[in-house]
Amino acid sequence: MKRYEIRWTTLDPAAGAEMAKTRPSVIVSLDVLNRRLETVTVCPLTSQLHPTWRSRMQVRCGGRPAEVAVDQIRTISKARLGTKIGSLSEDEAAALRRMITEMYGA
């Protein structure tokens, strides 16, 4: 499990406005943490596109348009992660880091 991999992720049970279902998610936690902890931090992907939302980043996953939902970031058990289905490019990873920093950084 490495940072910026896209893996199938089981997000159920969800509560309130949390994203649910089994869906692709990008691992955003640091590799040093991913090796040591039993949890990872992920941003789920959605096929519902909102191009004007500043909390979403457009990518392609499985050849289809998708958005990384940075507003839905969460820490989950590694047991919720399934198979790897891709990873972000270096440019996409850099853009995602900037977006996370803008939203949650100091």
Protein backbone atom coordinates (compact mmCIF):
# COMPACT_ATOMS: atom_id res chain seq x y z
CA MET A 1 0.00 0.00 0.00
CA LYS A 2 1.67 3.15 -1.20
CA ARG A 3 0.80 6.81 -1.32
CA TYR A 4 -1.13 7.83 -4.44
CA GLU A 5 -2.22 4.29 -5.30
CA ILE A 6 -5.87 3.95 -6.27
CA ARG A 7 -7.50 0.94 -4.62
CA TRP A 8 -10.99 -0.45 -4.29
CA THR A 9 -12.24 0.63 -0.88
CA THR A 10 -15.23 -0.52 1.15
CA LEU A 11 -16.66 2.61 2.78
CA ASP A 12 -19.79 1.05 4.30
CA PRO A 13 -21.16 1.53 6.83
CA ALA A 14 -21.32 5.28 6.25
CA ALA A 15 -23.13 7.87 8.32
CA GLY A 16 -24.81 11.11 7.30
CA ALA A 17 -23.30 12.69 4.20
CA GLU A 18 -20.24 10.40 4.09
CA MET A 19 -19.57 8.64 0.79
CA ALA A 20 -20.65 5.01 0.90
CA LYS A 21 -20.34 1.87 -1.23
CA THR A 22 -17.26 0.14 -2.50
CA ARG A 23 -15.46 2.63 -4.70
CA PRO A 24 -11.95 3.59 -5.77
CA SER A 25 -9.98 5.71 -3.31
CA VAL A 26 -6.55 7.35 -3.44
CA ILE A 27 -4.21 6.65 -0.53
CA VAL A 28 -2.88 10.02 0.68
CA SER A 29 -1.12 9.09 3.93
CA LEU A 30 2.68 9.00 3.98
CA ASP A 31 4.37 5.70 3.10
CA VAL A 32 6.23 5.63 6.45
CA LEU A 33 2.83 5.69 8.20
CA ASN A 34 1.32 3.19 5.75
CA ARG A 35 4.06 0.68 6.67
CA ARG A 36 3.66 1.07 10.44
CA LEU A 37 -0.01 1.73 11.14
CA GLU A 38 -3.07 -0.49 10.67
CA THR A 39 -4.88 2.49 9.08
CA VAL A 40 -4.47 4.62 5.97
CA THR A 41 -5.88 7.99 4.99
CA VAL A 42 -7.76 8.06 1.70
CA CYS A 43 -9.75 10.34 -0.55
CA PRO A 44 -12.63 8.52 -2.28
CA LEU A 45 -13.29 8.89 -5.99
CA THR A 46 -16.68 9.61 -7.48
CA SER A 47 -18.06 9.53 -11.01
CA GLN A 48 -20.42 12.41 -10.16
CA LEU A 49 -18.52 15.35 -11.59
CA HIS A 50 -18.63 18.83 -10.06
CA PRO A 51 -16.07 20.80 -12.12
CA THR A 52 -16.66 24.04 -10.21
CA TRP A 53 -16.13 22.57 -6.74
CA ARG A 54 -12.75 23.61 -5.35
CA SER A 55 -12.70 20.51 -3.13
CA ARG A 56 -12.64 18.07 -6.06
CA MET A 57 -9.85 17.15 -8.47
CA GLN A 58 -10.64 15.65 -11.85
CA VAL A 59 -8.76 12.48 -12.85
CA ARG A 60 -9.32 9.42 -15.01
CA CYS A 61 -9.84 6.06 -13.37
CA GLY A 62 -10.29 2.93 -15.45
CA GLY A 63 -10.42 5.11 -18.57
CA ARG A 64 -13.39 7.10 -17.23
CA PRO A 65 -13.63 10.60 -15.83
CA ALA A 66 -13.76 10.79 -12.05
CA GLU A 67 -13.11 13.21 -9.22
CA VAL A 68 -10.98 12.82 -6.11
CA ALA A 69 -13.24 14.00 -3.29
CA VAL A 70 -10.80 15.83 -1.02
CA ASP A 71 -13.77 17.05 1.04
CA GLN A 72 -14.44 13.38 1.94
CA ILE A 73 -10.92 12.56 3.22
CA ARG A 74 -10.92 9.95 5.99
CA THR A 75 -8.76 7.49 7.85
CA ILE A 76 -9.83 3.86 7.51
CA SER A 77 -8.63 0.41 8.47
CA LYS A 78 -6.38 -1.32 5.95
CA ALA A 79 -8.93 -4.15 6.07
CA ARG A 80 -11.24 -1.93 3.99
CA LEU A 81 -8.75 -1.78 1.09
CA GLY A 82 -8.99 -4.09 -1.90
CA THR A 83 -6.98 -4.52 -5.04
CA LYS A 84 -4.90 -1.82 -6.65
CA ILE A 85 -6.50 -0.44 -9.80
CA GLY A 86 -4.06 2.33 -10.66
CA SER A 87 -2.16 5.29 -9.30
CA LEU A 88 -1.98 9.01 -9.82
CA SER A 89 0.61 10.48 -12.16
CA GLU A 90 3.35 12.65 -10.64
CA ASP A 91 1.51 15.78 -11.84
CA GLU A 92 -1.79 14.58 -10.37
CA ALA A 93 -0.08 13.68 -7.07
CA ALA A 94 1.48 17.16 -6.86
CA ALA A 95 -1.89 18.81 -7.60
CA LEU A 96 -3.58 16.66 -4.94
CA ARG A 97 -0.92 17.60 -2.35
CA ARG A 98 -1.51 21.29 -3.11
CA MET A 99 -5.28 20.89 -2.81
CA ILE A 100 -5.03 19.07 0.52
CA THR A 101 -2.63 21.72 1.83
CA GLU A 102 -4.96 24.53 0.71
CA MET A 103 -7.96 22.88 2.36
CA TYR A 104 -6.43 21.57 5.58
CA GLY A 105 -3.00 23.19 5.95
CA ALA A 106 -2.08 26.16 8.07
